[in-house]
Amino acid sequence: MKTIMTRFLLTMFATLAFANSGFAAAAAQEAPDQLVKRISLEIIDLAKADKEIQAGNQKRVYDLVDSKILPYIDFQRMTSLAAGKSWREATPEQQKQLINEFRTLLVFTYSGAIAQIKDQRVEFKPLRAAPEDTEVEVRSQIIQTRGEPIQLNYRLEKLPAGWKIYDINVLGAWLVETYKGSFSAEISKSGIDGLIKTLTEKNKKLASAPIKAASK
């Protein structure tokens, strides 16, 4: 779990970063691979150009994640998939709390990744999908100056408001499946409330920890 999350932290910068309500209608009509490509390049450019982000300014990084990335993630589906069959057994209030805590956890995750952006670039592979498909996988890889390329794929679904991401694959491991194992173990031990408590405590620790700036 720790290894997967470390890889995730270091490579999530290529995830969604487009968030201007004035462009929402255009985004809804955009092909999923073109959407991910355009906004990925935008977030990389923003992070590279912002000296405060490069220095690890927490507020600047959190604001960027909250406004540029989170609107394009389907947190309800992602959380329900990670919770598995226990999702249907949770009360509406428990489901709401789970979504909020999972969302907060991903804010810290994305923030750590964005602060690490330096000289990486992204390459996208051809989209394998039919025009009528409502769920697709967008495949890409992170090219680094040192080391092998890092696989980074996305699962997206088409909703009335446009395409949204609900799962991410880093180096062959899908995020939802990774969390599903730890969520299931916690629920078996302490129930839904126990999982919520664990996520809440983890988020408090992450909130008090400084963001690591990109190495020079």
N, C-alpha and C. Protein backbone atom coordinates (compact mmCIF):
# COMPACT_ATOMS: atom_id res chain seq x y z
N MET A 1 0.83 -1.19 0.00
CA MET A 1 0.00 0.00 0.00
C MET A 1 0.87 1.25 0.00
N LYS A 2 1.86 1.29 0.89
CA LYS A 2 2.71 2.47 1.00
C LYS A 2 3.47 2.71 -0.29
N THR A 3 3.99 1.62 -0.91
CA THR A 3 4.74 1.75 -2.16
C THR A 3 3.86 2.30 -3.27
N ILE A 4 2.66 1.78 -3.40
CA ILE A 4 1.74 2.23 -4.44
C ILE A 4 1.40 3.71 -4.23
N MET A 5 1.16 4.09 -2.98
CA MET A 5 0.81 5.48 -2.72
C MET A 5 1.98 6.41 -3.00
N THR A 6 3.19 5.95 -2.73
CA THR A 6 4.38 6.76 -3.03
C THR A 6 4.48 7.00 -4.53
N ARG A 7 4.30 5.94 -5.30
CA ARG A 7 4.33 6.09 -6.76
C ARG A 7 3.21 7.02 -7.21
N PHE A 8 2.06 6.88 -6.58
CA PHE A 8 0.92 7.71 -6.94
C PHE A 8 1.21 9.18 -6.69
N LEU A 9 1.82 9.47 -5.53
CA LEU A 9 2.15 10.85 -5.18
C LEU A 9 3.09 11.48 -6.19
N LEU A 10 4.02 10.68 -6.70
CA LEU A 10 5.05 11.21 -7.59
C LEU A 10 4.59 11.36 -9.03
N THR A 11 3.45 10.76 -9.38
CA THR A 11 3.08 10.76 -10.79
C THR A 11 1.72 11.33 -11.10
N MET A 12 0.97 11.77 -10.09
CA MET A 12 -0.39 12.20 -10.35
C MET A 12 -0.50 13.58 -10.98
N PHE A 13 0.63 14.26 -11.21
CA PHE A 13 0.56 15.61 -11.75
C PHE A 13 -0.07 15.67 -13.13
N ALA A 14 -0.12 14.56 -13.84
CA ALA A 14 -0.69 14.58 -15.18
C ALA A 14 -2.21 14.45 -15.18
N THR A 15 -2.80 14.41 -13.98
CA THR A 15 -4.24 14.27 -13.89
C THR A 15 -4.95 15.58 -14.20
N LEU A 16 -6.24 15.57 -14.19
CA LEU A 16 -7.07 16.67 -14.64
C LEU A 16 -6.74 18.02 -14.01
N ALA A 17 -6.75 19.08 -14.86
CA ALA A 17 -6.41 20.39 -14.34
C ALA A 17 -7.19 21.50 -15.03
N PHE A 18 -8.26 21.18 -15.70
CA PHE A 18 -9.03 22.18 -16.42
C PHE A 18 -10.23 22.56 -15.58
N ALA A 19 -10.39 23.83 -15.22
CA ALA A 19 -11.51 24.18 -14.37
C ALA A 19 -11.89 25.65 -14.51
N ASN A 20 -12.53 25.99 -15.57
CA ASN A 20 -13.05 27.33 -15.73
C ASN A 20 -14.49 27.17 -16.18
N SER A 21 -15.44 27.62 -15.38
CA SER A 21 -16.85 27.36 -15.67
C SER A 21 -17.27 27.90 -17.03
N GLY A 22 -16.60 28.92 -17.51
CA GLY A 22 -16.94 29.46 -18.80
C GLY A 22 -16.65 28.51 -19.94
N PHE A 23 -15.82 27.48 -19.69
CA PHE A 23 -15.47 26.51 -20.72
C PHE A 23 -16.18 25.18 -20.49
N ALA A 24 -17.11 25.12 -19.54
CA ALA A 24 -17.74 23.85 -19.19
C ALA A 24 -18.48 23.23 -20.36
N ALA A 25 -19.22 24.04 -21.10
CA ALA A 25 -19.98 23.50 -22.23
C ALA A 25 -19.07 22.90 -23.28
N ALA A 26 -17.95 23.60 -23.57
CA ALA A 26 -17.00 23.08 -24.55
C ALA A 26 -16.37 21.79 -24.07
N ALA A 27 -16.05 21.73 -22.78
CA ALA A 27 -15.44 20.53 -22.23
C ALA A 27 -16.36 19.33 -22.33
N ALA A 28 -17.67 19.57 -22.18
CA ALA A 28 -18.64 18.47 -22.23
C ALA A 28 -18.66 17.81 -23.60
N GLN A 29 -18.32 18.57 -24.64
CA GLN A 29 -18.34 18.04 -26.00
C GLN A 29 -16.98 17.51 -26.44
N GLU A 30 -15.97 17.67 -25.62
CA GLU A 30 -14.61 17.30 -25.98
C GLU A 30 -14.37 15.81 -25.81
N ALA A 31 -13.62 15.22 -26.72
CA ALA A 31 -13.28 13.80 -26.60
C ALA A 31 -12.47 13.58 -25.33
N PRO A 32 -12.65 12.43 -24.66
CA PRO A 32 -11.99 12.21 -23.37
C PRO A 32 -10.47 12.28 -23.42
N ASP A 33 -9.87 11.73 -24.48
CA ASP A 33 -8.41 11.77 -24.56
C ASP A 33 -7.90 13.18 -24.80
N GLN A 34 -8.64 13.96 -25.60
CA GLN A 34 -8.23 15.34 -25.84
C GLN A 34 -8.40 16.19 -24.60
N LEU A 35 -9.44 15.92 -23.82
CA LEU A 35 -9.66 16.64 -22.58
C LEU A 35 -8.51 16.40 -21.60
N VAL A 36 -8.18 15.12 -21.39
CA VAL A 36 -7.12 14.79 -20.46
C VAL A 36 -5.78 15.35 -20.94
N LYS A 37 -5.53 15.25 -22.23
CA LYS A 37 -4.26 15.76 -22.77
C LYS A 37 -4.14 17.26 -22.56
N ARG A 38 -5.17 18.00 -22.91
CA ARG A 38 -5.11 19.45 -22.82
C ARG A 38 -4.92 19.92 -21.38
N ILE A 39 -5.71 19.37 -20.48
CA ILE A 39 -5.63 19.86 -19.11
C ILE A 39 -4.38 19.36 -18.38
N SER A 40 -3.88 18.20 -18.81
CA SER A 40 -2.63 17.71 -18.22
C SER A 40 -1.49 18.65 -18.56
N LEU A 41 -1.43 19.05 -19.82
CA LEU A 41 -0.38 19.97 -20.23
C LEU A 41 -0.53 21.31 -19.54
N GLU A 42 -1.77 21.72 -19.31
CA GLU A 42 -2.00 23.00 -18.65
C GLU A 42 -1.51 22.97 -17.21
N ILE A 43 -1.80 21.90 -16.48
CA ILE A 43 -1.39 21.84 -15.07
C ILE A 43 0.13 21.77 -14.95
N ILE A 44 0.76 21.08 -15.88
CA ILE A 44 2.22 21.00 -15.85
C ILE A 44 2.82 22.38 -16.07
N ASP A 45 2.29 23.11 -17.06
CA ASP A 45 2.80 24.45 -17.33
C ASP A 45 2.59 25.39 -16.14
N LEU A 46 1.41 25.31 -15.53
CA LEU A 46 1.11 26.16 -14.38
C LEU A 46 2.06 25.87 -13.21
N ALA A 47 2.26 24.58 -12.95
CA ALA A 47 3.11 24.20 -11.82
C ALA A 47 4.56 24.59 -12.05
N LYS A 48 5.03 24.44 -13.28
CA LYS A 48 6.41 24.79 -13.59
C LYS A 48 6.65 26.30 -13.50
N ALA A 49 5.62 27.09 -13.84
CA ALA A 49 5.78 28.53 -13.90
C ALA A 49 5.57 29.21 -12.54
N ASP A 50 4.93 28.52 -11.61
CA ASP A 50 4.60 29.13 -10.33
C ASP A 50 5.71 28.85 -9.31
N LYS A 51 6.45 29.88 -8.96
CA LYS A 51 7.57 29.72 -8.04
C LYS A 51 7.11 29.29 -6.64
N GLU A 52 5.91 29.73 -6.24
CA GLU A 52 5.41 29.37 -4.92
C GLU A 52 5.06 27.88 -4.85
N ILE A 53 4.52 27.35 -5.94
CA ILE A 53 4.24 25.92 -5.99
C ILE A 53 5.54 25.13 -5.96
N GLN A 54 6.52 25.59 -6.72
CA GLN A 54 7.82 24.93 -6.74
C GLN A 54 8.49 24.94 -5.37
N ALA A 55 8.18 25.98 -4.58
CA ALA A 55 8.77 26.09 -3.24
C ALA A 55 7.98 25.32 -2.19
N GLY A 56 6.82 24.76 -2.60
CA GLY A 56 6.02 23.97 -1.68
C GLY A 56 5.01 24.76 -0.87
N ASN A 57 4.57 25.92 -1.39
CA ASN A 57 3.56 26.72 -0.71
C ASN A 57 2.25 25.94 -0.62
N GLN A 58 1.86 25.55 0.60
CA GLN A 58 0.71 24.68 0.79
C GLN A 58 -0.58 25.27 0.25
N LYS A 59 -0.87 26.51 0.62
CA LYS A 59 -2.12 27.11 0.20
C LYS A 59 -2.21 27.22 -1.31
N ARG A 60 -1.12 27.63 -1.96
CA ARG A 60 -1.14 27.78 -3.41
C ARG A 60 -1.39 26.43 -4.09
N VAL A 61 -0.75 25.38 -3.59
CA VAL A 61 -0.92 24.06 -4.17
C VAL A 61 -2.33 23.54 -3.92
N TYR A 62 -2.83 23.69 -2.70
CA TYR A 62 -4.18 23.21 -2.38
C TYR A 62 -5.24 23.93 -3.21
N ASP A 63 -5.06 25.24 -3.37
CA ASP A 63 -6.02 26.02 -4.16
C ASP A 63 -6.03 25.55 -5.62
N LEU A 64 -4.86 25.24 -6.14
CA LEU A 64 -4.76 24.77 -7.51
C LEU A 64 -5.48 23.43 -7.67
N VAL A 65 -5.25 22.53 -6.74
CA VAL A 65 -5.90 21.21 -6.78
C VAL A 65 -7.41 21.36 -6.68
N ASP A 66 -7.86 22.16 -5.73
CA ASP A 66 -9.29 22.30 -5.47
C ASP A 66 -10.03 22.90 -6.66
N SER A 67 -9.42 23.87 -7.32
CA SER A 67 -10.11 24.57 -8.41
C SER A 67 -9.88 23.96 -9.78
N LYS A 68 -8.74 23.30 -9.97
CA LYS A 68 -8.38 22.84 -11.30
C LYS A 68 -8.55 21.33 -11.53
N ILE A 69 -8.54 20.55 -10.46
CA ILE A 69 -8.57 19.10 -10.62
C ILE A 69 -9.86 18.47 -10.13
N LEU A 70 -10.26 18.79 -8.92
CA LEU A 70 -11.37 18.08 -8.29
C LEU A 70 -12.70 18.15 -9.03
N PRO A 71 -13.02 19.25 -9.73
CA PRO A 71 -14.30 19.27 -10.45
C PRO A 71 -14.43 18.19 -11.52
N TYR A 72 -13.34 17.57 -11.90
CA TYR A 72 -13.38 16.58 -12.97
C TYR A 72 -13.18 15.15 -12.47
N ILE A 73 -13.44 14.94 -11.19
CA ILE A 73 -13.38 13.60 -10.62
C ILE A 73 -14.76 13.22 -10.09
N ASP A 74 -15.21 12.01 -10.38
CA ASP A 74 -16.48 11.51 -9.87
C ASP A 74 -16.22 10.84 -8.52
N PHE A 75 -16.28 11.64 -7.46
CA PHE A 75 -15.94 11.13 -6.14
C PHE A 75 -16.95 10.10 -5.62
N GLN A 76 -18.21 10.26 -5.97
CA GLN A 76 -19.19 9.30 -5.47
C GLN A 76 -18.93 7.92 -6.05
N ARG A 77 -18.68 7.85 -7.35
CA ARG A 77 -18.42 6.54 -7.95
C ARG A 77 -17.09 5.97 -7.46
N MET A 78 -16.07 6.80 -7.39
CA MET A 78 -14.77 6.34 -6.93
C MET A 78 -14.85 5.79 -5.50
N THR A 79 -15.55 6.52 -4.64
CA THR A 79 -15.67 6.09 -3.25
C THR A 79 -16.52 4.83 -3.12
N SER A 80 -17.61 4.76 -3.87
CA SER A 80 -18.48 3.58 -3.79
C SER A 80 -17.76 2.33 -4.29
N LEU A 81 -16.95 2.47 -5.32
CA LEU A 81 -16.18 1.33 -5.84
C LEU A 81 -15.13 0.89 -4.81
N ALA A 82 -14.49 1.85 -4.18
CA ALA A 82 -13.46 1.51 -3.18
C ALA A 82 -14.08 0.86 -1.95
N ALA A 83 -15.29 1.27 -1.58
CA ALA A 83 -15.96 0.70 -0.41
C ALA A 83 -16.58 -0.66 -0.71
N GLY A 84 -16.78 -0.97 -2.00
CA GLY A 84 -17.32 -2.28 -2.38
C GLY A 84 -18.75 -2.49 -1.89
N LYS A 85 -19.06 -3.71 -1.52
CA LYS A 85 -20.43 -4.05 -1.10
C LYS A 85 -20.85 -3.29 0.16
N SER A 86 -19.90 -2.85 0.94
CA SER A 86 -20.22 -2.11 2.17
C SER A 86 -20.86 -0.76 1.88
N TRP A 87 -20.65 -0.25 0.66
CA TRP A 87 -21.24 1.04 0.29
C TRP A 87 -22.76 0.99 0.40
N ARG A 88 -23.37 -0.10 -0.04
CA ARG A 88 -24.83 -0.22 -0.02
C ARG A 88 -25.36 -0.37 1.40
N GLU A 89 -24.50 -0.82 2.30
CA GLU A 89 -24.91 -1.00 3.70
C GLU A 89 -24.75 0.28 4.52
N ALA A 90 -24.04 1.25 3.98
CA ALA A 90 -23.82 2.51 4.70
C ALA A 90 -25.04 3.40 4.61
N THR A 91 -25.27 4.19 5.64
CA THR A 91 -26.37 5.15 5.62
C THR A 91 -26.01 6.32 4.71
N PRO A 92 -26.99 7.10 4.26
CA PRO A 92 -26.68 8.27 3.44
C PRO A 92 -25.68 9.21 4.10
N GLU A 93 -25.77 9.37 5.42
CA GLU A 93 -24.84 10.25 6.13
C GLU A 93 -23.44 9.65 6.13
N GLN A 94 -23.33 8.33 6.33
CA GLN A 94 -22.02 7.68 6.29
C GLN A 94 -21.41 7.77 4.89
N GLN A 95 -22.23 7.60 3.86
CA GLN A 95 -21.75 7.73 2.49
C GLN A 95 -21.21 9.14 2.25
N LYS A 96 -21.93 10.14 2.73
CA LYS A 96 -21.50 11.53 2.57
C LYS A 96 -20.16 11.77 3.26
N GLN A 97 -20.02 11.23 4.48
CA GLN A 97 -18.77 11.40 5.22
C GLN A 97 -17.62 10.70 4.52
N LEU A 98 -17.87 9.50 4.00
CA LEU A 98 -16.83 8.76 3.28
C LEU A 98 -16.36 9.54 2.06
N ILE A 99 -17.30 10.07 1.30
CA ILE A 99 -16.96 10.84 0.10
C ILE A 99 -16.12 12.06 0.48
N ASN A 100 -16.52 12.76 1.53
CA ASN A 100 -15.80 13.97 1.95
C ASN A 100 -14.38 13.65 2.41
N GLU A 101 -14.21 12.57 3.19
CA GLU A 101 -12.88 12.22 3.68
C GLU A 101 -12.00 11.69 2.54
N PHE A 102 -12.58 10.93 1.62
CA PHE A 102 -11.81 10.41 0.49
C PHE A 102 -11.39 11.57 -0.41
N ARG A 103 -12.29 12.53 -0.59
CA ARG A 103 -11.98 13.71 -1.38
C ARG A 103 -10.82 14.48 -0.77
N THR A 104 -10.87 14.66 0.55
CA THR A 104 -9.80 15.36 1.25
C THR A 104 -8.47 14.62 1.12
N LEU A 105 -8.53 13.29 1.23
CA LEU A 105 -7.31 12.50 1.07
C LEU A 105 -6.69 12.69 -0.31
N LEU A 106 -7.52 12.75 -1.34
CA LEU A 106 -7.00 12.94 -2.69
C LEU A 106 -6.47 14.35 -2.90
N VAL A 107 -7.02 15.33 -2.17
CA VAL A 107 -6.46 16.69 -2.25
C VAL A 107 -5.00 16.67 -1.81
N PHE A 108 -4.72 16.01 -0.70
CA PHE A 108 -3.34 15.92 -0.22
C PHE A 108 -2.48 15.12 -1.20
N THR A 109 -3.05 14.08 -1.76
CA THR A 109 -2.32 13.24 -2.70
C THR A 109 -1.92 14.02 -3.95
N TYR A 110 -2.89 14.71 -4.55
CA TYR A 110 -2.61 15.52 -5.73
C TYR A 110 -1.63 16.63 -5.42
N SER A 111 -1.80 17.24 -4.24
CA SER A 111 -0.94 18.36 -3.86
C SER A 111 0.52 17.93 -3.78
N GLY A 112 0.76 16.77 -3.18
CA GLY A 112 2.12 16.26 -3.09
C GLY A 112 2.72 16.00 -4.45
N ALA A 113 1.89 15.53 -5.37
CA ALA A 113 2.37 15.23 -6.73
C ALA A 113 2.68 16.51 -7.51
N ILE A 114 1.77 17.48 -7.43
CA ILE A 114 1.97 18.73 -8.17
C ILE A 114 3.23 19.45 -7.71
N ALA A 115 3.49 19.42 -6.42
CA ALA A 115 4.67 20.11 -5.90
C ALA A 115 5.97 19.46 -6.39
N GLN A 116 5.89 18.25 -6.93
CA GLN A 116 7.08 17.55 -7.41
C GLN A 116 7.37 17.79 -8.90
N ILE A 117 6.49 18.50 -9.57
CA ILE A 117 6.68 18.72 -11.01
C ILE A 117 7.92 19.56 -11.25
N LYS A 118 8.77 19.08 -12.16
CA LYS A 118 9.97 19.84 -12.50
C LYS A 118 10.21 19.81 -14.01
N ASP A 119 10.69 18.70 -14.52
CA ASP A 119 11.02 18.64 -15.95
C ASP A 119 10.38 17.44 -16.65
N GLN A 120 9.35 16.87 -16.05
CA GLN A 120 8.68 15.73 -16.67
C GLN A 120 7.77 16.18 -17.82
N ARG A 121 7.46 15.24 -18.70
CA ARG A 121 6.49 15.50 -19.76
C ARG A 121 5.62 14.27 -19.94
N VAL A 122 4.51 14.43 -20.66
CA VAL A 122 3.54 13.35 -20.80
C VAL A 122 3.37 12.98 -22.27
N GLU A 123 3.30 11.69 -22.54
CA GLU A 123 2.99 11.20 -23.87
C GLU A 123 1.70 10.39 -23.79
N PHE A 124 0.81 10.59 -24.77
CA PHE A 124 -0.46 9.89 -24.79
C PHE A 124 -0.51 8.87 -25.91
N LYS A 125 -1.16 7.75 -25.64
CA LYS A 125 -1.31 6.70 -26.63
C LYS A 125 -2.67 6.84 -27.31
N PRO A 126 -2.83 6.30 -28.53
CA PRO A 126 -4.11 6.42 -29.24
C PRO A 126 -5.27 5.86 -28.42
N LEU A 127 -6.40 6.54 -28.48
CA LEU A 127 -7.58 6.10 -27.73
C LEU A 127 -8.23 4.93 -28.46
N ARG A 128 -8.49 3.87 -27.71
CA ARG A 128 -9.18 2.70 -28.24
C ARG A 128 -10.62 2.72 -27.76
N ALA A 129 -11.47 3.37 -28.53
CA ALA A 129 -12.88 3.48 -28.12
C ALA A 129 -13.74 3.82 -29.32
N ALA A 130 -15.01 3.41 -29.25
CA ALA A 130 -15.98 3.74 -30.29
C ALA A 130 -16.66 5.06 -29.92
N PRO A 131 -17.15 5.79 -30.90
CA PRO A 131 -17.79 7.09 -30.62
C PRO A 131 -18.95 7.00 -29.63
N GLU A 132 -19.64 5.85 -29.61
CA GLU A 132 -20.80 5.72 -28.73
C GLU A 132 -20.46 5.26 -27.32
N ASP A 133 -19.20 4.93 -27.07
CA ASP A 133 -18.80 4.45 -25.74
C ASP A 133 -19.02 5.53 -24.68
N THR A 134 -19.49 5.10 -23.51
CA THR A 134 -19.69 6.04 -22.39
C THR A 134 -18.67 5.82 -21.28
N GLU A 135 -17.84 4.79 -21.42
CA GLU A 135 -16.73 4.56 -20.49
C GLU A 135 -15.49 4.22 -21.32
N VAL A 136 -14.39 4.88 -21.05
CA VAL A 136 -13.18 4.68 -21.83
C VAL A 136 -11.96 4.68 -20.91
N GLU A 137 -10.85 4.21 -21.47
CA GLU A 137 -9.58 4.28 -20.77
C GLU A 137 -8.61 5.11 -21.60
N VAL A 138 -8.08 6.15 -21.01
CA VAL A 138 -7.08 7.00 -21.66
C VAL A 138 -5.72 6.59 -21.12
N ARG A 139 -4.81 6.23 -22.03
CA ARG A 139 -3.50 5.72 -21.63
C ARG A 139 -2.41 6.75 -21.90
N SER A 140 -1.50 6.88 -20.94
CA SER A 140 -0.39 7.81 -21.11
C SER A 140 0.83 7.29 -20.36
N GLN A 141 1.93 7.99 -20.52
CA GLN A 141 3.12 7.67 -19.75
C GLN A 141 3.90 8.94 -19.46
N ILE A 142 4.53 8.94 -18.28
CA ILE A 142 5.34 10.07 -17.85
C ILE A 142 6.77 9.84 -18.29
N ILE A 143 7.31 10.79 -19.03
CA ILE A 143 8.70 10.71 -19.48
C ILE A 143 9.56 11.54 -18.54
N GLN A 144 10.57 10.89 -17.96
CA GLN A 144 11.46 11.55 -17.02
C GLN A 144 12.86 11.68 -17.61
N THR A 145 13.61 12.63 -17.10
CA THR A 145 14.99 12.78 -17.57
C THR A 145 15.84 11.61 -17.09
N ARG A 146 15.44 11.02 -15.96
CA ARG A 146 16.13 9.84 -15.43
C ARG A 146 15.11 8.75 -15.14
N GLY A 147 15.46 7.53 -15.49
CA GLY A 147 14.58 6.41 -15.20
C GLY A 147 13.66 6.07 -16.35
N GLU A 148 12.96 4.96 -16.21
CA GLU A 148 12.05 4.48 -17.24
C GLU A 148 10.75 5.28 -17.23
N PRO A 149 10.03 5.30 -18.36
CA PRO A 149 8.72 5.96 -18.39
C PRO A 149 7.77 5.32 -17.37
N ILE A 150 6.88 6.12 -16.83
CA ILE A 150 5.92 5.66 -15.82
C ILE A 150 4.53 5.58 -16.44
N GLN A 151 3.93 4.41 -16.40
CA GLN A 151 2.58 4.23 -16.93
C GLN A 151 1.57 4.98 -16.09
N LEU A 152 0.66 5.71 -16.74
CA LEU A 152 -0.37 6.44 -16.03
C LEU A 152 -1.63 6.46 -16.90
N ASN A 153 -2.60 5.63 -16.53
CA ASN A 153 -3.84 5.51 -17.31
C ASN A 153 -5.04 5.98 -16.51
N TYR A 154 -6.11 6.34 -17.22
CA TYR A 154 -7.30 6.88 -16.59
C TYR A 154 -8.56 6.17 -17.09
N ARG A 155 -9.49 5.91 -16.20
CA ARG A 155 -10.81 5.44 -16.59
C ARG A 155 -11.78 6.61 -16.43
N LEU A 156 -12.51 6.89 -17.50
CA LEU A 156 -13.45 7.99 -17.49
C LEU A 156 -14.84 7.51 -17.87
N GLU A 157 -15.84 8.22 -17.38
CA GLU A 157 -17.23 7.95 -17.74
C GLU A 157 -17.84 9.22 -18.28
N LYS A 158 -18.79 9.06 -19.22
CA LYS A 158 -19.45 10.22 -19.80
C LYS A 158 -20.75 10.49 -19.06
N LEU A 159 -20.83 11.66 -18.45
CA LEU A 159 -22.01 12.09 -17.72
C LEU A 159 -22.65 13.27 -18.45
N PRO A 160 -23.85 13.67 -18.08
CA PRO A 160 -24.49 14.81 -18.76
C PRO A 160 -23.61 16.07 -18.78
N ALA A 161 -22.82 16.25 -17.72
CA ALA A 161 -21.96 17.44 -17.65
C ALA A 161 -20.64 17.27 -18.38
N GLY A 162 -20.38 16.07 -18.91
CA GLY A 162 -19.12 15.82 -19.60
C GLY A 162 -18.39 14.63 -19.03
N TRP A 163 -17.16 14.40 -19.48
CA TRP A 163 -16.37 13.27 -19.03
C TRP A 163 -15.78 13.53 -17.65
N LYS A 164 -15.83 12.48 -16.80
CA LYS A 164 -15.22 12.56 -15.48
C LYS A 164 -14.41 11.30 -15.21
N ILE A 165 -13.34 11.49 -14.46
CA ILE A 165 -12.46 10.37 -14.13
C ILE A 165 -12.95 9.68 -12.87
N TYR A 166 -12.87 8.34 -12.85
CA TYR A 166 -13.29 7.61 -11.65
C TYR A 166 -12.27 6.57 -11.21
N ASP A 167 -11.18 6.41 -11.94
CA ASP A 167 -10.12 5.51 -11.50
C ASP A 167 -8.83 5.85 -12.25
N ILE A 168 -7.71 5.54 -11.63
CA ILE A 168 -6.39 5.88 -12.17
C ILE A 168 -5.46 4.70 -11.99
N ASN A 169 -4.68 4.40 -13.00
CA ASN A 169 -3.73 3.29 -12.94
C ASN A 169 -2.31 3.84 -12.97
N VAL A 170 -1.55 3.54 -11.93
CA VAL A 170 -0.14 3.95 -11.86
C VAL A 170 0.72 2.69 -11.82
N LEU A 171 1.55 2.52 -12.85
CA LEU A 171 2.46 1.37 -12.91
C LEU A 171 1.72 0.04 -12.75
N GLY A 172 0.54 -0.06 -13.37
CA GLY A 172 -0.19 -1.32 -13.37
C GLY A 172 -1.15 -1.52 -12.22
N ALA A 173 -1.22 -0.59 -11.28
CA ALA A 173 -2.10 -0.73 -10.11
C ALA A 173 -3.21 0.32 -10.18
N TRP A 174 -4.47 -0.15 -10.22
CA TRP A 174 -5.60 0.77 -10.23
C TRP A 174 -5.84 1.31 -8.83
N LEU A 175 -6.06 2.62 -8.73
CA LEU A 175 -6.23 3.28 -7.45
C LEU A 175 -7.39 2.70 -6.64
N VAL A 176 -8.53 2.48 -7.31
CA VAL A 176 -9.71 1.98 -6.61
C VAL A 176 -9.43 0.61 -5.99
N GLU A 177 -8.79 -0.27 -6.74
CA GLU A 177 -8.48 -1.60 -6.21
C GLU A 177 -7.52 -1.51 -5.03
N THR A 178 -6.57 -0.59 -5.11
CA THR A 178 -5.62 -0.41 -4.02
C THR A 178 -6.33 -0.01 -2.74
N TYR A 179 -7.22 0.96 -2.85
CA TYR A 179 -7.96 1.40 -1.68
C TYR A 179 -8.99 0.38 -1.23
N LYS A 180 -9.53 -0.38 -2.18
CA LYS A 180 -10.57 -1.35 -1.85
C LYS A 180 -10.09 -2.35 -0.81
N GLY A 181 -8.83 -2.79 -0.94
CA GLY A 181 -8.28 -3.74 0.01
C GLY A 181 -8.16 -3.16 1.41
N SER A 182 -7.62 -1.95 1.51
CA SER A 182 -7.45 -1.33 2.82
C SER A 182 -8.79 -0.93 3.43
N PHE A 183 -9.72 -0.47 2.59
CA PHE A 183 -11.05 -0.11 3.08
C PHE A 183 -11.76 -1.34 3.64
N SER A 184 -11.68 -2.45 2.90
CA SER A 184 -12.35 -3.67 3.32
C SER A 184 -11.81 -4.17 4.66
N ALA A 185 -10.49 -4.11 4.81
CA ALA A 185 -9.86 -4.56 6.05
C ALA A 185 -10.31 -3.70 7.22
N GLU A 186 -10.38 -2.40 7.03
CA GLU A 186 -10.79 -1.50 8.10
C GLU A 186 -12.27 -1.68 8.45
N ILE A 187 -13.10 -1.88 7.42
CA ILE A 187 -14.53 -2.07 7.66
C ILE A 187 -14.77 -3.39 8.40
N SER A 188 -14.03 -4.43 8.05
CA SER A 188 -14.17 -5.71 8.73
C SER A 188 -13.80 -5.59 10.20
N LYS A 189 -12.84 -4.74 10.49
CA LYS A 189 -12.35 -4.58 11.86
C LYS A 189 -13.21 -3.64 12.68
N SER A 190 -13.60 -2.50 12.09
CA SER A 190 -14.26 -1.45 12.88
C SER A 190 -15.54 -0.91 12.26
N GLY A 191 -15.99 -1.49 11.14
CA GLY A 191 -17.21 -1.01 10.51
C GLY A 191 -17.00 0.26 9.70
N ILE A 192 -18.09 0.76 9.11
CA ILE A 192 -18.03 1.97 8.30
C ILE A 192 -17.52 3.16 9.11
N ASP A 193 -18.04 3.29 10.35
CA ASP A 193 -17.62 4.41 11.19
C ASP A 193 -16.12 4.32 11.51
N GLY A 194 -15.62 3.11 11.63
CA GLY A 194 -14.20 2.94 11.88
C GLY A 194 -13.36 3.39 10.70
N LEU A 195 -13.84 3.12 9.48
CA LEU A 195 -13.14 3.57 8.28
C LEU A 195 -13.15 5.09 8.19
N ILE A 196 -14.31 5.68 8.48
CA ILE A 196 -14.41 7.14 8.46
C ILE A 196 -13.45 7.76 9.46
N LYS A 197 -13.38 7.18 10.65
CA LYS A 197 -12.47 7.68 11.68
C LYS A 197 -11.02 7.57 11.23
N THR A 198 -10.66 6.44 10.63
CA THR A 198 -9.29 6.23 10.16
C THR A 198 -8.90 7.26 9.10
N LEU A 199 -9.81 7.50 8.14
CA LEU A 199 -9.54 8.48 7.08
C LEU A 199 -9.44 9.88 7.66
N THR A 200 -10.31 10.19 8.62
CA THR A 200 -10.28 11.52 9.26
C THR A 200 -8.95 11.77 9.96
N GLU A 201 -8.48 10.76 10.70
CA GLU A 201 -7.21 10.89 11.42
C GLU A 201 -6.03 11.01 10.44
N LYS A 202 -6.10 10.24 9.36
CA LYS A 202 -5.02 10.31 8.35
C LYS A 202 -4.98 11.69 7.71
N ASN A 203 -6.16 12.24 7.43
CA ASN A 203 -6.21 13.56 6.80
C ASN A 203 -5.69 14.65 7.74
N LYS A 204 -5.95 14.51 9.04
CA LYS A 204 -5.45 15.49 10.00
C LYS A 204 -3.92 15.48 10.03
N LYS A 205 -3.34 14.29 9.96
CA LYS A 205 -1.87 14.18 9.93
C LYS A 205 -1.30 14.79 8.65
N LEU A 206 -1.95 14.51 7.53
CA LEU A 206 -1.48 15.05 6.26
C LEU A 206 -1.60 16.57 6.22
N ALA A 207 -2.66 17.09 6.86
CA ALA A 207 -2.87 18.53 6.86
C ALA A 207 -1.78 19.28 7.63
N SER A 208 -1.22 18.61 8.62
CA SER A 208 -0.18 19.24 9.43
C SER A 208 1.23 19.02 8.90
N ALA A 209 1.35 18.20 7.88
CA ALA A 209 2.67 17.91 7.31
C ALA A 209 2.98 18.87 6.16
N PRO A 210 4.18 19.39 6.06
CA PRO A 210 4.53 20.31 4.96
C PRO A 210 4.60 19.57 3.63
N ILE A 211 4.31 20.30 2.57
CA ILE A 211 4.43 19.73 1.22
C ILE A 211 5.89 19.78 0.80
N LYS A 212 6.37 18.68 0.29
CA LYS A 212 7.76 18.62 -0.15
C LYS A 212 7.92 19.32 -1.48
N ALA A 213 8.81 20.29 -1.54
CA ALA A 213 9.04 21.03 -2.76
C ALA A 213 9.81 20.18 -3.76
N ALA A 214 9.71 20.54 -5.04
CA ALA A 214 10.43 19.83 -6.09
C ALA A 214 11.92 20.00 -5.89
N SER A 215 12.67 18.92 -6.10
CA SER A 215 14.12 18.99 -5.96
C SER A 215 14.72 19.80 -7.09
N LYS A 216 15.79 20.49 -6.81
CA LYS A 216 16.40 21.37 -7.82
C LYS A 216 17.32 20.57 -8.72
